[in-house]
Amino acid sequence: METKYKNLKNRELPELERKGFFRRWHYMPTQMPVSKKEYYFIADDIDDLKDILEKHRFNDLKELHCKELSPVELVVLSTKDRQFAAAQIYRYSEDYNFHPKSDISIYKGVDAEVFLGVLKELKPEG
């Protein structure tokens, strides 16, 4: 039986709320707008990716195979001030959709800064 994970793509976090004229998502504790970015990895990296997120070993992300498009997707929501980040792993399946394959990981403060800094350094392979 497959676990039903919350879906970060749907912004299923209590800390997030739509605000303003354009109804943008905001991280409520700091009132900062939230942006979304996707990173893709090869299928063989999914277990390592889960382990890295759970154990906060963010520098190990550089050892994985980041691609332009691949069956494993890492969705990241973050604030511009880099004090908040949320990440979730998705996997492409037979129904031609990405489905959550991990719980949502939330990082704040220094952890968020380090995590987002490492992601910024990733260069997708062709």
C-alpha atoms as a PDB file:
ATOM      1  CA  MET A   1       0.000   0.000   0.000  1.00  0.00           C
ATOM      2  CA  GLU A   2       1.447   3.349  -1.029  1.00  0.00           C
ATOM      3  CA  THR A   3       1.649   6.179   1.493  1.00  0.00           C
ATOM      4  CA  LYS A   4      -0.430   9.269   0.722  1.00  0.00           C
ATOM      5  CA  TYR A   5       1.937  12.218   0.982  1.00  0.00           C
ATOM      6  CA  LYS A   6       0.943  15.831   1.161  1.00  0.00           C
ATOM      7  CA  ASN A   7       1.590  17.620  -2.121  1.00  0.00           C
ATOM      8  CA  LEU A   8       4.006  20.541  -2.052  1.00  0.00           C
ATOM      9  CA  LYS A   9       2.987  21.534  -5.592  1.00  0.00           C
ATOM     10  CA  ASN A  10      -0.433  22.362  -4.126  1.00  0.00           C
ATOM     11  CA  ARG A  11       1.242  24.385  -1.348  1.00  0.00           C
ATOM     12  CA  GLU A  12      -0.184  22.054   1.329  1.00  0.00           C
ATOM     13  CA  LEU A  13       1.643  23.744   4.211  1.00  0.00           C
ATOM     14  CA  PRO A  14      -0.003  25.645   7.062  1.00  0.00           C
ATOM     15  CA  GLU A  15       2.755  28.306   6.922  1.00  0.00           C
ATOM     16  CA  LEU A  16       1.753  29.332   3.384  1.00  0.00           C
ATOM     17  CA  GLU A  17      -1.132  31.594   2.466  1.00  0.00           C
ATOM     18  CA  ARG A  18      -2.301  33.496  -0.613  1.00  0.00           C
ATOM     19  CA  LYS A  19      -2.166  37.261  -0.203  1.00  0.00           C
ATOM     20  CA  GLY A  20      -2.428  40.472  -2.126  1.00  0.00           C
ATOM     21  CA  PHE A  21      -4.035  41.601  -5.333  1.00  0.00           C
ATOM     22  CA  PHE A  22      -2.342  38.869  -7.410  1.00  0.00           C
ATOM     23  CA  ARG A  23      -2.994  36.194  -4.745  1.00  0.00           C
ATOM     24  CA  ARG A  24       0.693  35.169  -4.566  1.00  0.00           C
ATOM     25  CA  TRP A  25       1.776  32.608  -2.011  1.00  0.00           C
ATOM     26  CA  HIS A  26       3.533  33.981   1.074  1.00  0.00           C
ATOM     27  CA  TYR A  27       5.402  32.429   3.982  1.00  0.00           C
ATOM     28  CA  MET A  28       3.317  33.857   6.809  1.00  0.00           C
ATOM     29  CA  PRO A  29       5.854  34.057   9.696  1.00  0.00           C
ATOM     30  CA  THR A  30       7.956  36.549   7.680  1.00  0.00           C
ATOM     31  CA  GLN A  31       5.324  37.728   5.137  1.00  0.00           C
ATOM     32  CA  MET A  32       7.813  36.940   2.332  1.00  0.00           C
ATOM     33  CA  PRO A  33       6.581  35.819  -1.109  1.00  0.00           C
ATOM     34  CA  VAL A  34       7.365  32.217  -2.041  1.00  0.00           C
ATOM     35  CA  SER A  35       8.736  31.052  -5.380  1.00  0.00           C
ATOM     36  CA  LYS A  36       8.851  27.514  -6.799  1.00  0.00           C
ATOM     37  CA  LYS A  37      11.644  25.791  -8.701  1.00  0.00           C
ATOM     38  CA  GLU A  38      12.111  22.221  -9.935  1.00  0.00           C
ATOM     39  CA  TYR A  39      15.309  20.176 -10.153  1.00  0.00           C
ATOM     40  CA  TYR A  40      15.530  16.810 -11.923  1.00  0.00           C
ATOM     41  CA  PHE A  41      17.656  13.765 -11.083  1.00  0.00           C
ATOM     42  CA  ILE A  42      18.114  10.297 -12.546  1.00  0.00           C
ATOM     43  CA  ALA A  43      15.949   7.489 -11.153  1.00  0.00           C
ATOM     44  CA  ASP A  44      18.911   5.755  -9.491  1.00  0.00           C
ATOM     45  CA  ASP A  45      19.437   8.804  -7.261  1.00  0.00           C
ATOM     46  CA  ILE A  46      16.007   8.814  -5.575  1.00  0.00           C
ATOM     47  CA  ASP A  47      17.058   6.948  -2.404  1.00  0.00           C
ATOM     48  CA  ASP A  48      20.208   9.068  -2.028  1.00  0.00           C
ATOM     49  CA  LEU A  49      18.143  12.213  -2.546  1.00  0.00           C
ATOM     50  CA  LYS A  50      15.708  11.180   0.218  1.00  0.00           C
ATOM     51  CA  ASP A  51      18.616  10.458   2.555  1.00  0.00           C
ATOM     52  CA  ILE A  52      20.285  13.814   1.817  1.00  0.00           C
ATOM     53  CA  LEU A  53      17.100  15.747   2.567  1.00  0.00           C
ATOM     54  CA  GLU A  54      16.340  13.808   5.758  1.00  0.00           C
ATOM     55  CA  LYS A  55      19.877  14.078   7.168  1.00  0.00           C
ATOM     56  CA  HIS A  56      20.556  17.658   5.974  1.00  0.00           C
ATOM     57  CA  ARG A  57      23.679  16.550   4.045  1.00  0.00           C
ATOM     58  CA  PHE A  58      23.087  19.223   1.411  1.00  0.00           C
ATOM     59  CA  ASN A  59      26.620  19.281  -0.029  1.00  0.00           C
ATOM     60  CA  ASP A  60      26.063  15.677  -1.176  1.00  0.00           C
ATOM     61  CA  LEU A  61      23.533  17.004  -3.707  1.00  0.00           C
ATOM     62  CA  LYS A  62      26.536  17.966  -5.849  1.00  0.00           C
ATOM     63  CA  GLU A  63      27.381  14.264  -6.220  1.00  0.00           C
ATOM     64  CA  LEU A  64      24.004  13.380  -7.753  1.00  0.00           C
ATOM     65  CA  HIS A  65      23.165  13.478 -11.459  1.00  0.00           C
ATOM     66  CA  CYS A  66      21.181  16.687 -11.938  1.00  0.00           C
ATOM     67  CA  LYS A  67      19.503  16.679 -15.364  1.00  0.00           C
ATOM     68  CA  GLU A  68      17.449  19.100 -17.436  1.00  0.00           C
ATOM     69  CA  LEU A  69      14.524  16.652 -17.375  1.00  0.00           C
ATOM     70  CA  SER A  70      14.392  13.251 -15.727  1.00  0.00           C
ATOM     71  CA  PRO A  71      11.924  10.933 -13.931  1.00  0.00           C
ATOM     72  CA  VAL A  72      12.822  12.201 -10.452  1.00  0.00           C
ATOM     73  CA  GLU A  73      11.777  15.756  -9.651  1.00  0.00           C
ATOM     74  CA  LEU A  74      12.717  17.796  -6.589  1.00  0.00           C
ATOM     75  CA  VAL A  75      10.221  20.627  -6.048  1.00  0.00           C
ATOM     76  CA  VAL A  76      11.513  23.473  -3.894  1.00  0.00           C
ATOM     77  CA  LEU A  77       9.557  26.414  -2.498  1.00  0.00           C
ATOM     78  CA  SER A  78      11.628  29.226  -1.018  1.00  0.00           C
ATOM     79  CA  THR A  79      11.635  32.841   0.037  1.00  0.00           C
ATOM     80  CA  LYS A  80      13.947  35.417  -1.520  1.00  0.00           C
ATOM     81  CA  ASP A  81      15.590  36.107   1.851  1.00  0.00           C
ATOM     82  CA  ARG A  82      16.578  32.383   1.934  1.00  0.00           C
ATOM     83  CA  GLN A  83      15.233  31.932   5.465  1.00  0.00           C
ATOM     84  CA  PHE A  84      12.618  29.351   4.448  1.00  0.00           C
ATOM     85  CA  ALA A  85      12.671  26.411   2.054  1.00  0.00           C
ATOM     86  CA  ALA A  86      10.419  23.400   1.592  1.00  0.00           C
ATOM     87  CA  ALA A  87      11.296  20.435  -0.624  1.00  0.00           C
ATOM     88  CA  GLN A  88       9.562  17.288  -1.822  1.00  0.00           C
ATOM     89  CA  ILE A  89      10.588  14.476  -4.152  1.00  0.00           C
ATOM     90  CA  TYR A  90       8.316  13.362  -6.991  1.00  0.00           C
ATOM     91  CA  ARG A  91       8.613  10.470  -9.427  1.00  0.00           C
ATOM     92  CA  TYR A  92       7.201  10.226 -12.929  1.00  0.00           C
ATOM     93  CA  SER A  93       4.882   7.235 -13.270  1.00  0.00           C
ATOM     94  CA  GLU A  94       2.999   5.152 -15.809  1.00  0.00           C
ATOM     95  CA  ASP A  95       0.037   7.554 -15.780  1.00  0.00           C
ATOM     96  CA  TYR A  96       2.319  10.280 -17.215  1.00  0.00           C
ATOM     97  CA  ASN A  97       2.304  12.405 -14.048  1.00  0.00           C
ATOM     98  CA  PHE A  98       4.712  13.188 -11.253  1.00  0.00           C
ATOM     99  CA  HIS A  99       3.573  11.812  -7.867  1.00  0.00           C
ATOM    100  CA  PRO A 100       4.980  12.603  -4.385  1.00  0.00           C
ATOM    101  CA  LYS A 101       7.488  10.017  -3.153  1.00  0.00           C
ATOM    102  CA  SER A 102       8.620  11.695   0.051  1.00  0.00           C
ATOM    103  CA  ASP A 103       7.281  13.766   2.878  1.00  0.00           C
ATOM    104  CA  ILE A 104       7.731  17.523   2.674  1.00  0.00           C
ATOM    105  CA  SER A 105      11.051  18.633   4.183  1.00  0.00           C
ATOM    106  CA  ILE A 106      11.082  22.104   5.727  1.00  0.00           C
ATOM    107  CA  TYR A 107      14.232  24.102   6.366  1.00  0.00           C
ATOM    108  CA  LYS A 108      14.532  27.422   8.169  1.00  0.00           C
ATOM    109  CA  GLY A 109      17.331  29.847   8.962  1.00  0.00           C
ATOM    110  CA  VAL A 110      20.862  28.550   8.365  1.00  0.00           C
ATOM    111  CA  ASP A 111      19.635  25.173   7.059  1.00  0.00           C
ATOM    112  CA  ALA A 112      17.507  26.931   4.435  1.00  0.00           C
ATOM    113  CA  GLU A 113      20.403  29.187   3.407  1.00  0.00           C
ATOM    114  CA  VAL A 114      22.819  26.278   3.011  1.00  0.00           C
ATOM    115  CA  PHE A 115      20.268  24.130   1.143  1.00  0.00           C
ATOM    116  CA  LEU A 116      19.352  26.918  -1.291  1.00  0.00           C
ATOM    117  CA  GLY A 117      23.009  27.849  -1.753  1.00  0.00           C
ATOM    118  CA  VAL A 118      23.901  24.307  -2.810  1.00  0.00           C
ATOM    119  CA  LEU A 119      20.914  24.134  -5.179  1.00  0.00           C
ATOM    120  CA  LYS A 120      22.031  27.375  -6.799  1.00  0.00           C
ATOM    121  CA  GLU A 121      25.388  25.768  -7.602  1.00  0.00           C
ATOM    122  CA  LEU A 122      23.828  22.754  -9.370  1.00  0.00           C
ATOM    123  CA  LYS A 123      24.364  22.723 -13.118  1.00  0.00           C
ATOM    124  CA  PRO A 124      21.995  20.353 -14.971  1.00  0.00           C
ATOM    125  CA  GLU A 125      23.727  17.867 -17.260  1.00  0.00           C
ATOM    126  CA  GLY A 126      22.468  17.690 -20.838  1.00  0.00           C
END
